[in-house]
Protein backbone atom coordinates (compact mmCIF):
# COMPACT_ATOMS: atom_id res chain seq x y z
CA UNK A 1 10.85 13.27 44.99
CA UNK A 2 11.02 14.12 41.31
CA UNK A 3 10.26 11.94 38.07
CA UNK A 4 12.93 9.35 37.65
CA UNK A 5 14.85 10.33 34.48
CA UNK A 6 16.76 6.66 33.92
CA UNK A 7 15.52 2.85 33.47
CA UNK A 8 17.15 0.33 34.70
CA UNK A 9 18.36 -2.24 32.90
CA UNK A 10 15.34 -4.62 33.01
CA UNK A 11 13.50 -1.49 32.32
CA UNK A 12 15.85 -1.18 28.92
CA UNK A 13 15.40 -4.94 28.30
CA UNK A 14 11.75 -5.06 28.65
CA UNK A 15 11.30 -1.41 26.25
CA UNK A 16 13.78 -2.93 23.66
CA UNK A 17 11.43 -6.47 23.57
CA UNK A 18 8.93 -4.06 23.43
CA UNK A 19 9.82 -2.02 20.82
CA UNK A 20 10.77 -5.07 18.58
CA UNK A 21 7.65 -6.51 18.99
CA UNK A 22 5.94 -3.47 17.82
CA UNK A 23 7.71 -3.60 14.55
CA UNK A 24 5.17 -6.21 13.39
CA UNK A 25 1.97 -3.67 13.28
CA UNK A 26 5.00 -1.50 11.26
CA UNK A 27 5.39 -4.25 8.93
CA UNK A 28 2.04 -4.79 8.46
CA UNK A 29 1.13 -1.02 8.21
CA UNK A 30 3.76 -1.27 5.19
CA UNK A 31 2.20 -4.11 3.56
CA UNK A 32 -1.32 -2.46 3.33
CA UNK A 33 1.29 0.23 1.26
CA UNK A 34 2.15 -2.48 -0.36
CA UNK A 35 -1.09 -4.34 -1.22
CA UNK A 36 -2.57 -0.51 -2.45
CA UNK A 37 0.17 -0.41 -4.90
CA UNK A 38 -0.01 -3.41 -6.02
CA UNK A 39 -4.06 -3.04 -6.83
CA UNK A 40 -3.83 0.40 -8.59
CA UNK A 41 -0.96 1.57 -10.39
CA UNK A 42 1.33 4.84 -9.10
CA UNK A 43 3.36 6.61 -10.56
CA UNK A 44 6.55 7.88 -8.79
CA UNK A 45 4.81 11.03 -7.24
CA UNK A 46 2.45 9.27 -5.45
CA UNK A 47 4.68 6.17 -4.24
CA UNK A 48 6.85 9.42 -2.61
CA UNK A 49 3.54 10.53 -1.33
CA UNK A 50 2.83 7.13 0.22
CA UNK A 51 6.44 7.21 1.44
CA UNK A 52 6.35 10.23 3.32
CA UNK A 53 2.53 9.57 4.58
CA UNK A 54 4.12 6.10 5.79
CA UNK A 55 7.03 8.02 7.45
CA UNK A 56 5.17 10.85 9.10
CA UNK A 57 2.77 7.76 10.58
CA UNK A 58 5.78 6.07 12.32
CA UNK A 59 7.53 9.17 13.71
CA UNK A 60 3.74 9.13 15.22
CA UNK A 61 4.02 5.78 16.68
CA UNK A 62 7.22 5.84 17.69
CA UNK A 63 6.24 9.66 19.87
CA UNK A 64 3.28 7.10 21.29
CA UNK A 65 5.18 4.38 22.11
CA UNK A 66 7.69 6.97 23.75
CA UNK A 67 5.26 8.52 25.66
CA UNK A 68 2.97 5.60 26.47
CA UNK A 69 5.93 2.72 27.72
CA UNK A 70 8.89 4.82 28.06
CA UNK A 71 7.47 8.26 30.29
CA UNK A 72 8.19 10.61 26.91
CA UNK A 73 11.49 9.50 26.67
CA UNK A 74 12.89 8.47 22.90
CA UNK A 75 16.34 6.09 23.22
CA UNK A 76 17.93 5.61 20.08
CA UNK A 77 17.36 1.30 21.16
CA UNK A 78 13.40 1.95 19.99
CA UNK A 79 14.08 2.78 16.48
CA UNK A 80 16.85 0.21 16.27
CA UNK A 81 14.02 -2.38 17.66
CA UNK A 82 11.54 -1.27 15.90
CA UNK A 83 13.66 -2.11 12.62
CA UNK A 84 14.52 -5.75 14.13
CA UNK A 85 10.98 -6.36 14.54
CA UNK A 86 9.88 -4.93 11.21
CA UNK A 87 12.28 -6.77 9.38
CA UNK A 88 11.74 -10.39 11.16
CA UNK A 89 8.02 -9.29 10.15
CA UNK A 90 9.18 -8.52 6.51
CA UNK A 91 10.69 -11.68 6.02
CA UNK A 92 8.74 -14.26 7.50
CA UNK A 93 5.09 -13.50 7.81
CA UNK A 94 5.24 -10.40 5.38
CA UNK A 95 6.80 -12.72 2.66
CA UNK A 96 3.63 -14.80 3.16
CA UNK A 97 1.14 -12.42 3.11
CA UNK A 98 2.45 -10.57 -0.16
CA UNK A 99 2.66 -14.20 -2.39
CA UNK A 100 -1.28 -15.07 -1.06
CA UNK A 101 -2.37 -11.34 -1.98
CA UNK A 102 -0.67 -11.44 -5.03
CA UNK A 103 -2.15 -15.12 -5.74
CA UNK A 104 -5.51 -13.67 -4.72
CA UNK A 105 -4.95 -10.73 -7.01
CA UNK A 106 -3.92 -12.80 -9.75
CA UNK A 107 -7.45 -14.86 -9.52
CA UNK A 108 -9.04 -12.27 -9.17
CA UNK A 109 -8.08 -10.59 -12.39
CA UNK A 110 -8.54 -13.55 -14.35
CA UNK A 111 -12.54 -13.60 -13.08
CA UNK A 112 -12.97 -10.23 -13.82
CA UNK A 113 -11.18 -10.73 -17.13
CA UNK A 114 -13.85 -13.79 -17.83
CA UNK A 115 -16.82 -12.00 -16.69
CA UNK A 116 -15.98 -8.94 -18.73
CA UNK A 117 -15.07 -10.43 -21.83
CA UNK A 118 -18.85 -11.17 -23.33
CA UNK A 119 -18.91 -6.90 -22.62
CA UNK A 120 -15.84 -6.51 -24.63
CA UNK A 121 -16.77 -8.33 -27.51
CA UNK A 122 -20.57 -6.88 -27.75
CA UNK A 123 -18.53 -3.75 -27.84
CA UNK A 124 -16.41 -4.60 -30.18
CA UNK A 125 -19.46 -5.69 -32.51
CA UNK A 126 -21.34 -2.74 -31.30
CA UNK A 127 -18.32 -0.75 -32.98
CA UNK A 128 -18.02 -2.81 -35.71
CA UNK A 129 -21.15 -1.99 -36.97
CA UNK A 130 -21.68 1.32 -36.41
CA UNK A 131 -18.43 3.05 -37.14
CA UNK A 132 -19.24 2.41 -41.00
CA UNK A 133 -22.70 4.17 -40.75
CA UNK A 134 -21.38 7.25 -38.76
CA UNK A 135 -18.30 7.88 -41.05
CA UNK A 136 -20.49 7.19 -43.56
CA UNK A 137 -23.04 10.02 -42.43
CA UNK A 138 -20.16 12.02 -42.02
CA UNK A 139 -18.20 11.73 -45.50
CA UNK A 140 -21.46 12.21 -47.39
CA UNK A 141 -22.36 15.62 -44.57
CA UNK A 142 -18.75 16.97 -45.96
CA UNK A 143 -19.56 16.39 -49.82
CA UNK A 144 -22.83 17.91 -49.22
CA UNK A 145 -21.24 20.83 -48.01
CA UNK A 146 -18.48 21.09 -50.60
CA UNK A 147 -21.30 21.84 -53.15
C-alpha cells in the first residue's frame, strides 16, 4: 500500500493547531529583528534586506514544518495557522516583550550617557585648549610661506 495523500479531519485539526502554536516562534523571530532595529539605526535598504531574510527564514520554517509534521504536504491552513498564532503572540506577549526591551534600552542609554559624560567633557576641554595652539601655528606658518 502506498503513502496516503489525504489527512483525516482530526489530523487536519491537529496540524492546524500545531501551525497556530508554531506561529509563536515566528513572532519571537520577528521580535529579534525588531530588537535589532531598536538597538542599531537602520536605513531603508537594510530594513528591506532584513525583511527579505525574515521571509526566507519563514519559507524554510514552513517547509520544515510541512516535511516534519505533514508528510511533505503543504496545506493552505499552515500559513493561516502561523499567521493566527503570530498575531496572538504579537498582540499579547510581543507587546510586553517590546515594552520591556524599550525600557531596558532607555535605561542603558541613560547609563551610557552618565558614564561617557566625563570623557565628553574632557575631550571638549582638551579640544578647547589645543585648537588655538594648532590654528595659531598654522596661521604663522602660512604667513611665513607668503614672505
